[in-house]
Amino acid sequence: MFEKAANVEGKRVLITGGASGIGAATAKILTARGARVVISDLNTKDGEKLAQELSAAGAEIYFSKVDVADKSSVETLFAFAMEKLGGLDVVLNNAGVDHTPAPMHLLTDEDFDRNININLKGVWHCMRASIACMGQSGGHVINVASVAGLRSAPTITAYSAAKHGVIGLTRSAAVEYAKVNLRFNAVCPSFTDTPMVQGVLANVDERKRKAIINASPMRRLGKVEEIALAIAWMASDESSFLNGHAMTLDGGMLA
């Protein structure tokens, strides 16, 4: 059982938001360890490029475009993954959007709805599809939440509300479906060096930028590989008793 650490060889994995950031880093690590992977994203250009690069290196990986806020798009994605992989063992719900910092009273309905529809309802769509695909055989759904889902997050209130919701969905589903060996867990990174976070940093002043970077006691952003390696462990059978957990990866921010 312990011959190979975090062994995912042969695991059939679906990753949303897989074209860049944490999703892309996870795809690289899992395929390097022998997993069979479908990545999906609205970003077709980068998603197809990554799939082609990893495939050329010998990985079994496929790309499919998806809009997680659209139920029919999600259903099409899962049908594609089931066809290509012959089943699913792990689903990583990573797709999400950022939130430009702003006082809550200035947040528009459109901004709030965008965060909820993608960051929360999009995860819900994918969780339901996962249950339909894995409910008979068991599996593991890993949702990417955030430390903003575990604490207050002034000026990114819609994002925080969505991520709190993701953790609520994760914990409730974990208890509801444990009897059929379908597990649900979440990872909660703090600010990580992704294109999305870089976009946020580009839209704030230098004082705010330094505050974001120094929010962790380690005084730096997380690295996508650090989050992806934790997810890779969760995707392995070594995490078999982990259920309903929100794993914090924040350099000590919430300590």
Foldseek 3Di string as FASTA:
>chain_A
DVPDALQCAAAQEEEEPLLWFLNVLLVVVNQVRHYAYEYEEQPVVSQVVSQVVSVVVPGRYHYDYAQLLDLVRLLVVLVVSCVSSVAHAEYEYEDAAAAQFDAPVPDDPVSLCRRQSRLAVSVVSNVVSNCVGCVQPAHEYEYEAAVLLVDPDGRRVSSSVRSVNVLVVQLVVLVVRVVSNHAGEYEHEQAAPIPRSVVNLVNDDPVVNQCSQVLAVVSGHHYSNVVSVVVSSCRGCVCSVDHSYYHYHYNHNPD
